[in-house]
């Protein structure tokens, strides 16, 4: 376990992957379903902003805040992330219009079809892994078989990010 707390590093890695599996970990009866989300922004306060499809049920029947887990993975990248935190349903028009990088058509669709979610990051596990190259010779084949049979499984050790709370004076 390698500790860290660099938010700019996390912003770069999350934006590098761009999408994640979003899991609602609450025990409520009505909850936002598991879905693939595209990250809009990761701000300096360690919040991840994204849209999910608006549920057909009344929005006020859902929890306004709930625990979540997000898994960021993209084939070909040399890393992946697992993030846990607390999600907040954002239905304030000022917050939606505050995301300046969004086109106007997305902003107008946001109140009818989409739901803005903000996840406050509490725990991040960052894993790096090496790329494996195929061995095409006979020696490479035997080496690969030996590795599979006799080498111990070496899993990557995660970097753990525990973001320190900001002090306000």
Protein backbone atom coordinates (compact mmCIF):
# COMPACT_ATOMS: atom_id res chain seq x y z
CA UNK A 1 0.00 0.00 0.00
CA UNK A 2 1.49 3.30 -1.11
CA UNK A 3 -0.24 6.36 0.35
CA UNK A 4 -0.92 9.46 -1.70
CA UNK A 5 -3.23 12.46 -1.84
CA UNK A 6 -2.44 14.34 -5.06
CA UNK A 7 -5.75 15.50 -6.57
CA UNK A 8 -4.18 16.65 -9.85
CA UNK A 9 -2.78 13.14 -10.37
CA UNK A 10 -6.25 11.67 -9.82
CA UNK A 11 -7.86 14.22 -12.15
CA UNK A 12 -5.43 13.27 -14.89
CA UNK A 13 -5.96 9.53 -14.45
CA UNK A 14 -9.77 9.75 -14.22
CA UNK A 15 -10.00 12.02 -17.27
CA UNK A 16 -7.58 9.68 -19.09
CA UNK A 17 -10.04 6.82 -18.77
CA UNK A 18 -13.14 9.01 -19.04
CA UNK A 19 -15.85 6.50 -18.16
CA UNK A 20 -16.66 4.18 -15.27
CA UNK A 21 -19.04 1.60 -13.92
CA UNK A 22 -21.22 3.31 -11.33
CA UNK A 23 -22.61 1.14 -8.51
CA UNK A 24 -25.20 2.41 -6.05
CA UNK A 25 -24.33 0.74 -2.74
CA UNK A 26 -27.36 1.92 -0.74
CA UNK A 27 -29.83 -0.50 0.77
CA UNK A 28 -32.87 1.52 -0.30
CA UNK A 29 -35.78 -0.03 -2.15
CA UNK A 30 -35.63 2.50 -4.97
CA UNK A 31 -32.11 3.24 -6.09
CA UNK A 32 -30.37 4.49 -9.18
CA UNK A 33 -29.33 1.40 -11.16
CA UNK A 34 -25.80 0.35 -11.99
CA UNK A 35 -24.71 2.05 -15.19
CA UNK A 36 -21.78 3.14 -17.31
CA UNK A 37 -21.15 6.86 -16.88
CA UNK A 38 -18.98 9.40 -18.67
CA UNK A 39 -17.17 11.81 -16.38
CA UNK A 40 -17.85 15.49 -17.06
CA UNK A 41 -15.43 16.97 -14.57
CA UNK A 42 -13.27 16.22 -11.55
CA UNK A 43 -12.91 19.38 -9.46
CA UNK A 44 -10.29 20.49 -6.95
CA UNK A 45 -12.55 19.51 -4.01
CA UNK A 46 -12.32 15.82 -5.09
CA UNK A 47 -15.81 15.66 -6.61
CA UNK A 48 -16.63 13.66 -9.74
CA UNK A 49 -19.51 15.09 -11.81
CA UNK A 50 -21.51 13.07 -14.35
CA UNK A 51 -25.01 12.46 -15.69
CA UNK A 52 -27.12 9.30 -15.39
CA UNK A 53 -30.45 8.58 -17.02
CA UNK A 54 -33.31 10.02 -15.00
CA UNK A 55 -35.44 7.25 -13.47
CA UNK A 56 -39.09 7.06 -14.46
CA UNK A 57 -40.25 7.09 -10.85
CA UNK A 58 -40.65 10.31 -8.91
CA UNK A 59 -37.18 11.62 -8.14
CA UNK A 60 -38.10 12.48 -4.56
CA UNK A 61 -38.76 8.79 -3.80
CA UNK A 62 -35.00 8.16 -4.14
CA UNK A 63 -32.32 8.84 -1.57
CA UNK A 64 -30.71 12.25 -2.12
CA UNK A 65 -27.32 10.95 -0.96
CA UNK A 66 -26.02 7.40 -0.90
CA UNK A 67 -22.76 5.41 -0.87
CA UNK A 68 -21.27 4.47 -4.25
CA UNK A 69 -18.42 2.58 -5.83
CA UNK A 70 -16.94 3.45 -9.21
CA UNK A 71 -14.59 1.31 -11.30
CA UNK A 72 -12.52 3.07 -13.94
CA UNK A 73 -10.97 0.77 -16.53
CA UNK A 74 -10.08 1.12 -20.20
CA UNK A 75 -8.40 -1.51 -22.32
CA UNK A 76 -4.90 -0.51 -23.34
CA UNK A 77 -4.26 1.78 -20.39
CA UNK A 78 -1.60 0.66 -17.93
CA UNK A 79 -3.76 1.39 -14.89
CA UNK A 80 -7.24 1.23 -13.39
CA UNK A 81 -8.97 2.84 -10.40
CA UNK A 82 -11.55 1.81 -7.84
CA UNK A 83 -13.20 4.72 -6.08
CA UNK A 84 -15.65 4.76 -3.20
CA UNK A 85 -17.46 7.78 -1.88
CA UNK A 86 -20.80 9.43 -1.29
CA UNK A 87 -23.03 10.47 -4.19
CA UNK A 88 -25.36 13.45 -4.12
CA UNK A 89 -28.27 14.04 -6.48
CA UNK A 90 -27.90 17.57 -7.83
CA UNK A 91 -31.13 19.13 -9.07
CA UNK A 92 -30.25 22.78 -8.62
CA UNK A 93 -30.31 24.54 -12.03
CA UNK A 94 -27.40 26.77 -11.01
CA UNK A 95 -25.13 23.73 -10.63
CA UNK A 96 -26.14 22.33 -14.00
CA UNK A 97 -25.59 25.65 -15.76
CA UNK A 98 -22.34 26.07 -13.84
CA UNK A 99 -20.81 23.25 -15.84
CA UNK A 100 -19.66 25.61 -18.59
CA UNK A 101 -18.18 22.93 -20.84
CA UNK A 102 -21.60 21.48 -21.65
CA UNK A 103 -23.42 22.31 -24.88
CA UNK A 104 -26.79 24.06 -24.52
CA UNK A 105 -28.74 21.04 -25.81
CA UNK A 106 -27.31 18.88 -22.98
CA UNK A 107 -28.20 21.53 -20.42
CA UNK A 108 -31.82 21.63 -21.62
CA UNK A 109 -32.03 17.81 -21.75
CA UNK A 110 -30.60 17.60 -18.23
CA UNK A 111 -33.87 18.53 -16.53
CA UNK A 112 -36.03 16.20 -18.63
CA UNK A 113 -33.97 13.06 -19.33
CA UNK A 114 -30.80 13.22 -17.27
CA UNK A 115 -29.86 13.49 -13.63
CA UNK A 116 -26.68 15.21 -12.44
CA UNK A 117 -24.72 13.25 -9.83
CA UNK A 118 -21.80 14.51 -7.76
CA UNK A 119 -19.60 11.91 -6.05
CA UNK A 120 -17.44 13.09 -3.17
CA UNK A 121 -14.35 10.87 -3.27
CA UNK A 122 -13.47 9.27 0.05
CA UNK A 123 -11.18 6.39 -0.94
CA UNK A 124 -9.20 5.63 -4.11
CA UNK A 125 -7.27 2.53 -5.05
CA UNK A 126 -4.99 3.08 -8.04
CA UNK A 127 -3.47 0.00 -9.70
CA UNK A 128 -0.71 -0.09 -12.30
CA UNK A 129 0.08 -3.19 -14.26
CA UNK A 130 2.68 -4.04 -16.84
CA UNK A 131 1.81 -5.02 -20.35
CA UNK A 132 2.52 -8.58 -21.32
CA UNK A 133 3.87 -9.31 -24.74
CA UNK A 134 3.32 -12.56 -26.55
CA UNK A 135 6.34 -14.83 -26.85
CA UNK A 136 6.34 -16.42 -30.26
CA UNK A 137 9.42 -18.64 -30.11
CA UNK A 138 9.67 -22.17 -28.71
CA UNK A 139 11.81 -20.89 -25.84
CA UNK A 140 9.21 -18.22 -25.12
CA UNK A 141 6.50 -20.87 -25.05
CA UNK A 142 8.38 -22.96 -22.46
CA UNK A 143 9.18 -19.86 -20.41
CA UNK A 144 5.52 -18.90 -20.43
CA UNK A 145 4.47 -22.42 -19.35
CA UNK A 146 7.06 -22.40 -16.54
CA UNK A 147 5.81 -19.01 -15.35
CA UNK A 148 2.22 -20.21 -15.25
CA UNK A 149 3.05 -23.40 -13.36
CA UNK A 150 5.74 -22.38 -10.90
CA UNK A 151 5.87 -18.64 -10.44
CA UNK A 152 3.85 -17.18 -7.63
CA UNK A 153 1.03 -14.85 -8.57
CA UNK A 154 2.21 -11.27 -8.31
CA UNK A 155 -0.67 -8.87 -8.17
CA UNK A 156 -0.07 -5.16 -8.38
CA UNK A 157 -0.05 -3.33 -5.08
CA UNK A 158 -2.46 -0.39 -5.10
CA UNK A 159 -1.68 3.20 -4.37
CA UNK A 160 -4.20 4.23 -1.70
CA UNK A 161 -5.42 7.82 -1.76
CA UNK A 162 -7.04 9.12 1.40
CA UNK A 163 -7.93 12.71 0.62
CA UNK A 164 -7.38 14.95 3.61
CA UNK A 165 -10.32 17.15 4.62
CA UNK A 166 -9.84 20.79 3.82
CA UNK A 167 -9.70 23.17 6.73
CA UNK A 168 -11.74 26.32 6.37
CA UNK A 169 -11.06 29.40 8.44
